[in-house]
Amino acid sequence: MNILKILTPRRQLGNYGETTAARYLRRKGYRILERNYVGKWGEIDIIARKKHTLCFVEVKTRSIGAEEGFEARPAASVNPEKQRRLIRVANEYARRTHKEIGCMMRMDIIEIYTEKNQKNKIKVHKLVHIENAFDMNSAYKTH
């Protein structure tokens, strides 16, 4: 069973965030190549291209006021282990589909903060696009 097809409230919020992020990227001139791309090492929410840059985007959506533990901001959940998995999937995708020389790769995070309006419908409160959020150096950094 595909976990992305199970529509729990959390998954619905995630789907909303990913759709919002894809719409945002299109407005900024990106071409969406893949959504929810599943590779050997995991899943990438959005793969987009702008000029000669392949962007691998992890989308983190949070409801304002929801209990999220001690997480300072949504991007904080993309820890070094998750970063390494995303980099592996990105490299796998790039090798498989974009063999041309000179194509840059970038790992982005889009944070989406949502709230419910007066009609109890979800709306975007704030969207933060963190370009080049992490790379091989940060993913493999040891303390």
N, C-alpha and C. Protein backbone atom coordinates (compact mmCIF):
# COMPACT_ATOMS: atom_id res chain seq x y z
N MET A 1 0.84 -1.18 0.00
CA MET A 1 0.00 0.00 0.00
C MET A 1 0.89 1.24 0.00
N ASN A 2 0.57 2.20 -0.85
CA ASN A 2 1.32 3.45 -0.95
C ASN A 2 0.91 4.38 0.19
N ILE A 3 1.87 4.70 1.05
CA ILE A 3 1.57 5.54 2.22
C ILE A 3 1.08 6.92 1.82
N LEU A 4 1.47 7.41 0.64
CA LEU A 4 1.05 8.73 0.20
C LEU A 4 -0.43 8.77 -0.17
N LYS A 5 -1.04 7.61 -0.32
CA LYS A 5 -2.46 7.56 -0.68
C LYS A 5 -3.37 7.47 0.54
N ILE A 6 -2.79 7.26 1.72
CA ILE A 6 -3.58 7.21 2.95
C ILE A 6 -3.80 8.64 3.41
N LEU A 7 -5.03 9.12 3.36
CA LEU A 7 -5.30 10.52 3.63
C LEU A 7 -5.66 10.79 5.08
N THR A 8 -4.68 10.67 5.94
CA THR A 8 -4.84 11.09 7.32
C THR A 8 -4.84 12.62 7.34
N PRO A 9 -5.31 13.24 8.42
CA PRO A 9 -5.27 14.71 8.48
C PRO A 9 -3.85 15.26 8.26
N ARG A 10 -2.85 14.58 8.80
CA ARG A 10 -1.46 15.02 8.62
C ARG A 10 -1.05 14.93 7.16
N ARG A 11 -1.41 13.83 6.47
CA ARG A 11 -1.08 13.66 5.06
C ARG A 11 -1.83 14.67 4.20
N GLN A 12 -3.09 14.97 4.55
CA GLN A 12 -3.85 15.98 3.82
C GLN A 12 -3.16 17.34 3.91
N LEU A 13 -2.68 17.68 5.11
CA LEU A 13 -1.96 18.94 5.29
C LEU A 13 -0.68 18.92 4.46
N GLY A 14 0.04 17.81 4.47
CA GLY A 14 1.25 17.68 3.66
C GLY A 14 0.97 17.82 2.18
N ASN A 15 -0.10 17.20 1.69
CA ASN A 15 -0.48 17.32 0.28
C ASN A 15 -0.80 18.77 -0.07
N TYR A 16 -1.53 19.43 0.83
CA TYR A 16 -1.86 20.85 0.63
C TYR A 16 -0.58 21.67 0.51
N GLY A 17 0.37 21.42 1.41
CA GLY A 17 1.63 22.14 1.40
C GLY A 17 2.42 21.89 0.12
N GLU A 18 2.48 20.65 -0.32
CA GLU A 18 3.22 20.32 -1.54
C GLU A 18 2.58 20.97 -2.77
N THR A 19 1.27 20.97 -2.83
CA THR A 19 0.57 21.63 -3.94
C THR A 19 0.83 23.13 -3.92
N THR A 20 0.79 23.72 -2.73
CA THR A 20 1.07 25.16 -2.58
C THR A 20 2.51 25.46 -3.00
N ALA A 21 3.46 24.63 -2.58
CA ALA A 21 4.86 24.83 -2.92
C ALA A 21 5.08 24.71 -4.43
N ALA A 22 4.45 23.74 -5.06
CA ALA A 22 4.59 23.57 -6.52
C ALA A 22 4.03 24.79 -7.25
N ARG A 23 2.91 25.29 -6.81
CA ARG A 23 2.30 26.48 -7.41
C ARG A 23 3.25 27.69 -7.26
N TYR A 24 3.81 27.83 -6.07
CA TYR A 24 4.76 28.92 -5.79
C TYR A 24 5.96 28.83 -6.73
N LEU A 25 6.54 27.63 -6.85
CA LEU A 25 7.71 27.45 -7.70
C LEU A 25 7.40 27.78 -9.17
N ARG A 26 6.24 27.35 -9.65
CA ARG A 26 5.85 27.66 -11.02
C ARG A 26 5.78 29.17 -11.23
N ARG A 27 5.19 29.88 -10.26
CA ARG A 27 5.10 31.34 -10.37
C ARG A 27 6.48 31.99 -10.39
N LYS A 28 7.48 31.34 -9.78
CA LYS A 28 8.85 31.87 -9.73
C LYS A 28 9.68 31.42 -10.93
N GLY A 29 9.05 30.76 -11.90
CA GLY A 29 9.75 30.39 -13.13
C GLY A 29 10.35 28.99 -13.16
N TYR A 30 10.04 28.16 -12.18
CA TYR A 30 10.54 26.78 -12.17
C TYR A 30 9.60 25.90 -12.99
N ARG A 31 10.17 24.87 -13.58
CA ARG A 31 9.36 23.84 -14.25
C ARG A 31 9.34 22.63 -13.34
N ILE A 32 8.17 22.18 -12.95
CA ILE A 32 8.04 21.01 -12.08
C ILE A 32 8.26 19.76 -12.92
N LEU A 33 9.27 18.97 -12.54
CA LEU A 33 9.58 17.74 -13.27
C LEU A 33 8.94 16.52 -12.63
N GLU A 34 8.93 16.50 -11.31
CA GLU A 34 8.38 15.35 -10.57
C GLU A 34 7.78 15.83 -9.26
N ARG A 35 6.77 15.11 -8.81
CA ARG A 35 6.24 15.30 -7.46
C ARG A 35 6.21 13.94 -6.80
N ASN A 36 6.63 13.90 -5.55
CA ASN A 36 6.67 12.67 -4.77
C ASN A 36 7.47 11.59 -5.51
N TYR A 37 8.65 11.96 -5.94
CA TYR A 37 9.54 11.03 -6.63
C TYR A 37 10.09 10.03 -5.60
N VAL A 38 9.92 8.75 -5.88
CA VAL A 38 10.41 7.71 -4.97
C VAL A 38 11.58 7.01 -5.63
N GLY A 39 12.70 7.04 -4.92
CA GLY A 39 13.91 6.36 -5.37
C GLY A 39 14.28 5.26 -4.40
N LYS A 40 15.42 4.68 -4.63
CA LYS A 40 15.89 3.57 -3.80
C LYS A 40 16.06 3.99 -2.34
N TRP A 41 16.47 5.24 -2.10
CA TRP A 41 16.81 5.69 -0.75
C TRP A 41 15.71 6.48 -0.06
N GLY A 42 14.61 6.77 -0.77
CA GLY A 42 13.54 7.54 -0.15
C GLY A 42 12.75 8.33 -1.17
N GLU A 43 12.11 9.39 -0.69
CA GLU A 43 11.19 10.17 -1.50
C GLU A 43 11.56 11.64 -1.44
N ILE A 44 11.42 12.32 -2.58
CA ILE A 44 11.62 13.76 -2.66
C ILE A 44 10.29 14.38 -3.06
N ASP A 45 9.88 15.40 -2.32
CA ASP A 45 8.57 16.00 -2.53
C ASP A 45 8.42 16.61 -3.92
N ILE A 46 9.38 17.46 -4.31
CA ILE A 46 9.29 18.14 -5.60
C ILE A 46 10.68 18.18 -6.24
N ILE A 47 10.72 17.86 -7.52
CA ILE A 47 11.94 18.06 -8.31
C ILE A 47 11.56 19.07 -9.38
N ALA A 48 12.31 20.17 -9.40
CA ALA A 48 12.01 21.25 -10.33
C ALA A 48 13.29 21.68 -11.03
N ARG A 49 13.11 22.41 -12.12
CA ARG A 49 14.26 22.91 -12.85
C ARG A 49 14.03 24.37 -13.19
N LYS A 50 15.09 25.15 -13.01
CA LYS A 50 15.07 26.55 -13.43
C LYS A 50 16.40 26.81 -14.12
N LYS A 51 16.32 27.12 -15.40
CA LYS A 51 17.51 27.28 -16.24
C LYS A 51 18.38 26.03 -16.16
N HIS A 52 19.61 26.15 -15.66
CA HIS A 52 20.52 24.99 -15.63
C HIS A 52 20.67 24.43 -14.22
N THR A 53 19.64 24.60 -13.39
CA THR A 53 19.71 24.10 -12.01
C THR A 53 18.56 23.15 -11.74
N LEU A 54 18.91 21.96 -11.27
CA LEU A 54 17.91 21.00 -10.79
C LEU A 54 17.73 21.27 -9.30
N CYS A 55 16.50 21.48 -8.89
CA CYS A 55 16.21 21.77 -7.48
C CYS A 55 15.41 20.61 -6.90
N PHE A 56 15.92 20.09 -5.80
CA PHE A 56 15.26 19.00 -5.08
C PHE A 56 14.69 19.65 -3.82
N VAL A 57 13.37 19.63 -3.71
CA VAL A 57 12.70 20.42 -2.70
C VAL A 57 11.98 19.53 -1.68
N GLU A 58 12.32 19.73 -0.43
CA GLU A 58 11.62 19.09 0.68
C GLU A 58 10.64 20.12 1.22
N VAL A 59 9.37 19.74 1.29
CA VAL A 59 8.33 20.65 1.76
C VAL A 59 7.94 20.26 3.17
N LYS A 60 7.94 21.22 4.07
CA LYS A 60 7.55 21.01 5.46
C LYS A 60 6.40 21.95 5.78
N THR A 61 5.25 21.38 6.07
CA THR A 61 4.04 22.16 6.33
C THR A 61 3.64 21.99 7.79
N ARG A 62 3.35 23.09 8.43
CA ARG A 62 2.95 23.08 9.84
C ARG A 62 1.75 23.99 10.03
N SER A 63 0.86 23.59 10.93
CA SER A 63 -0.29 24.41 11.31
C SER A 63 0.12 25.33 12.45
N ILE A 64 -0.21 26.57 12.32
CA ILE A 64 0.06 27.51 13.40
C ILE A 64 -0.81 27.12 14.59
N GLY A 65 -0.19 27.02 15.74
CA GLY A 65 -0.94 26.68 16.95
C GLY A 65 -0.97 25.19 17.24
N ALA A 66 -0.60 24.36 16.27
CA ALA A 66 -0.59 22.91 16.52
C ALA A 66 0.62 22.57 17.37
N GLU A 67 0.48 21.59 18.20
CA GLU A 67 1.59 21.15 19.04
C GLU A 67 2.58 20.38 18.18
N GLU A 68 3.78 20.91 18.06
CA GLU A 68 4.82 20.27 17.26
C GLU A 68 6.05 19.95 18.10
N GLY A 69 5.89 19.83 19.40
CA GLY A 69 7.04 19.54 20.25
C GLY A 69 7.93 20.75 20.38
N PHE A 70 9.23 20.52 20.34
CA PHE A 70 10.18 21.59 20.55
C PHE A 70 10.87 22.04 19.26
N GLU A 71 10.32 21.68 18.13
CA GLU A 71 10.90 22.02 16.84
C GLU A 71 10.84 23.54 16.64
N ALA A 72 12.00 24.17 16.46
CA ALA A 72 12.06 25.62 16.32
C ALA A 72 11.35 26.09 15.05
N ARG A 73 11.56 25.39 13.96
CA ARG A 73 10.88 25.70 12.71
C ARG A 73 10.84 24.43 11.88
N PRO A 74 9.96 24.36 10.89
CA PRO A 74 9.80 23.13 10.13
C PRO A 74 11.09 22.59 9.51
N ALA A 75 11.96 23.46 9.03
CA ALA A 75 13.20 23.00 8.40
C ALA A 75 14.09 22.23 9.37
N ALA A 76 13.91 22.46 10.67
CA ALA A 76 14.73 21.77 11.67
C ALA A 76 14.51 20.26 11.64
N SER A 77 13.38 19.81 11.10
CA SER A 77 13.12 18.37 11.04
C SER A 77 13.91 17.68 9.94
N VAL A 78 14.55 18.45 9.08
CA VAL A 78 15.39 17.87 8.03
C VAL A 78 16.80 17.75 8.60
N ASN A 79 16.97 16.73 9.43
CA ASN A 79 18.23 16.52 10.14
C ASN A 79 19.28 15.92 9.20
N PRO A 80 20.55 15.82 9.64
CA PRO A 80 21.60 15.29 8.75
C PRO A 80 21.29 13.92 8.15
N GLU A 81 20.66 13.04 8.90
CA GLU A 81 20.30 11.72 8.35
C GLU A 81 19.33 11.87 7.19
N LYS A 82 18.30 12.68 7.37
CA LYS A 82 17.31 12.93 6.30
C LYS A 82 18.01 13.62 5.12
N GLN A 83 18.91 14.54 5.40
CA GLN A 83 19.65 15.22 4.34
C GLN A 83 20.44 14.22 3.50
N ARG A 84 21.10 13.29 4.15
CA ARG A 84 21.89 12.28 3.42
C ARG A 84 21.00 11.43 2.52
N ARG A 85 19.83 11.03 3.04
CA ARG A 85 18.89 10.25 2.21
C ARG A 85 18.43 11.06 1.00
N LEU A 86 18.08 12.32 1.22
CA LEU A 86 17.62 13.16 0.12
C LEU A 86 18.72 13.35 -0.92
N ILE A 87 19.95 13.54 -0.48
CA ILE A 87 21.07 13.69 -1.40
C ILE A 87 21.27 12.42 -2.23
N ARG A 88 21.14 11.26 -1.60
CA ARG A 88 21.27 9.99 -2.34
C ARG A 88 20.20 9.87 -3.41
N VAL A 89 18.95 10.20 -3.05
CA VAL A 89 17.86 10.12 -4.02
C VAL A 89 18.09 11.13 -5.15
N ALA A 90 18.53 12.33 -4.80
CA ALA A 90 18.79 13.36 -5.81
C ALA A 90 19.88 12.91 -6.78
N ASN A 91 20.95 12.34 -6.26
CA ASN A 91 22.02 11.85 -7.12
C ASN A 91 21.54 10.72 -8.03
N GLU A 92 20.74 9.83 -7.46
CA GLU A 92 20.17 8.73 -8.25
C GLU A 92 19.31 9.29 -9.39
N TYR A 93 18.45 10.24 -9.07
CA TYR A 93 17.58 10.86 -10.08
C TYR A 93 18.41 11.55 -11.17
N ALA A 94 19.39 12.33 -10.74
CA ALA A 94 20.22 13.07 -11.70
C ALA A 94 20.97 12.14 -12.64
N ARG A 95 21.52 11.06 -12.10
CA ARG A 95 22.24 10.08 -12.94
C ARG A 95 21.29 9.43 -13.94
N ARG A 96 20.09 9.17 -13.51
CA ARG A 96 19.13 8.46 -14.35
C ARG A 96 18.53 9.36 -15.44
N THR A 97 18.32 10.64 -15.14
CA THR A 97 17.52 11.46 -16.06
C THR A 97 18.22 12.67 -16.65
N HIS A 98 19.23 13.20 -15.98
CA HIS A 98 19.85 14.45 -16.45
C HIS A 98 21.36 14.25 -16.61
N LYS A 99 21.71 13.65 -17.71
CA LYS A 99 23.10 13.30 -17.93
C LYS A 99 23.92 14.45 -18.55
N GLU A 100 23.23 15.55 -18.92
CA GLU A 100 23.97 16.62 -19.58
C GLU A 100 24.96 17.28 -18.62
N ILE A 101 26.05 17.73 -19.18
CA ILE A 101 27.11 18.37 -18.39
C ILE A 101 26.69 19.80 -18.07
N GLY A 102 27.05 20.26 -16.91
CA GLY A 102 26.79 21.65 -16.55
C GLY A 102 25.50 21.88 -15.80
N CYS A 103 24.78 20.85 -15.50
CA CYS A 103 23.54 21.00 -14.75
C CYS A 103 23.88 21.04 -13.26
N MET A 104 23.58 22.14 -12.61
CA MET A 104 23.83 22.29 -11.17
C MET A 104 22.70 21.61 -10.40
N MET A 105 23.00 21.20 -9.18
CA MET A 105 21.99 20.61 -8.31
C MET A 105 21.93 21.43 -7.03
N ARG A 106 20.71 21.57 -6.52
CA ARG A 106 20.52 22.35 -5.30
C ARG A 106 19.45 21.68 -4.44
N MET A 107 19.68 21.68 -3.13
CA MET A 107 18.72 21.11 -2.19
C MET A 107 18.02 22.26 -1.46
N ASP A 108 16.72 22.37 -1.66
CA ASP A 108 15.94 23.44 -1.05
C ASP A 108 14.95 22.87 -0.04
N ILE A 109 14.51 23.73 0.85
CA ILE A 109 13.41 23.41 1.75
C ILE A 109 12.39 24.54 1.61
N ILE A 110 11.14 24.17 1.51
CA ILE A 110 10.07 25.17 1.55
C ILE A 110 9.26 24.89 2.81
N GLU A 111 9.20 25.90 3.67
CA GLU A 111 8.39 25.82 4.89
C GLU A 111 7.07 26.51 4.60
N ILE A 112 5.99 25.84 4.97
CA ILE A 112 4.67 26.43 4.80
C ILE A 112 3.96 26.40 6.15
N TYR A 113 3.55 27.57 6.58
CA TYR A 113 2.80 27.71 7.82
C TYR A 113 1.35 27.96 7.45
N THR A 114 0.46 27.15 7.99
CA THR A 114 -0.96 27.28 7.64
C THR A 114 -1.78 27.64 8.88
N GLU A 115 -2.97 28.13 8.61
CA GLU A 115 -3.95 28.38 9.67
C GLU A 115 -5.32 28.15 9.06
N LYS A 116 -6.30 28.02 9.91
CA LYS A 116 -7.67 27.85 9.41
C LYS A 116 -8.37 29.20 9.43
N ASN A 117 -9.12 29.47 8.35
CA ASN A 117 -9.86 30.72 8.30
C ASN A 117 -11.18 30.58 9.05
N GLN A 118 -12.02 31.61 8.96
CA GLN A 118 -13.28 31.59 9.71
C GLN A 118 -14.23 30.49 9.25
N LYS A 119 -14.06 30.02 8.03
CA LYS A 119 -14.90 28.92 7.51
C LYS A 119 -14.24 27.57 7.74
N ASN A 120 -13.19 27.55 8.58
CA ASN A 120 -12.47 26.33 8.95
C ASN A 120 -11.74 25.69 7.77
N LYS A 121 -11.40 26.50 6.78
CA LYS A 121 -10.63 26.03 5.63
C LYS A 121 -9.17 26.42 5.85
N ILE A 122 -8.28 25.53 5.41
CA ILE A 122 -6.84 25.78 5.55
C ILE A 122 -6.42 26.88 4.58
N LYS A 123 -5.60 27.81 5.07
CA LYS A 123 -5.01 28.82 4.19
C LYS A 123 -3.56 29.02 4.59
N VAL A 124 -2.78 29.49 3.64
CA VAL A 124 -1.36 29.72 3.89
C VAL A 124 -1.21 31.03 4.67
N HIS A 125 -0.51 30.93 5.78
CA HIS A 125 -0.18 32.12 6.57
C HIS A 125 1.17 32.69 6.12
N LYS A 126 2.12 31.78 5.84
CA LYS A 126 3.47 32.21 5.48
C LYS A 126 4.16 31.08 4.72
N LEU A 127 4.95 31.45 3.71
CA LEU A 127 5.75 30.49 2.96
C LEU A 127 7.19 31.01 2.96
N VAL A 128 8.12 30.14 3.32
CA VAL A 128 9.54 30.48 3.35
C VAL A 128 10.29 29.50 2.45
N HIS A 129 10.96 30.04 1.42
CA HIS A 129 11.74 29.21 0.50
C HIS A 129 13.21 29.36 0.89
N ILE A 130 13.81 28.28 1.37
CA ILE A 130 15.22 28.28 1.75
C ILE A 130 15.99 27.61 0.62
N GLU A 131 16.60 28.45 -0.22
CA GLU A 131 17.39 27.93 -1.33
C GLU A 131 18.72 27.42 -0.81
N ASN A 132 19.18 26.31 -1.39
CA ASN A 132 20.46 25.71 -1.00
C ASN A 132 20.52 25.50 0.51
N ALA A 133 19.46 24.91 1.04
CA ALA A 133 19.31 24.73 2.50
C ALA A 133 20.37 23.84 3.10
N PHE A 134 20.84 22.87 2.33
CA PHE A 134 21.89 21.97 2.81
C PHE A 134 22.64 21.40 1.61
N ASP A 135 23.81 20.88 1.90
CA ASP A 135 24.62 20.25 0.86
C ASP A 135 25.40 19.09 1.48
N MET A 136 26.30 18.53 0.70
CA MET A 136 27.08 17.39 1.19
C MET A 136 27.84 17.73 2.46
N ASN A 137 28.37 18.95 2.54
CA ASN A 137 29.15 19.34 3.72
C ASN A 137 28.31 19.35 4.99
N SER A 138 27.12 19.92 4.93
CA SER A 138 26.29 19.97 6.14
C SER A 138 25.69 18.61 6.47
N ALA A 139 25.38 17.83 5.45
CA ALA A 139 24.77 16.52 5.69
C ALA A 139 25.74 15.53 6.33
N TYR A 140 27.01 15.70 6.05
CA TYR A 140 28.00 14.75 6.58
C TYR A 140 28.89 15.36 7.66
N LYS A 141 28.49 16.52 8.16
CA LYS A 141 29.27 17.18 9.21
C LYS A 141 29.17 16.39 10.50
N THR A 142 30.29 16.22 11.17
CA THR A 142 30.30 15.54 12.47
C THR A 142 30.65 16.56 13.54
N HIS A 143 30.09 16.37 14.70
CA HIS A 143 30.33 17.32 15.80
C HIS A 143 31.39 16.82 16.72
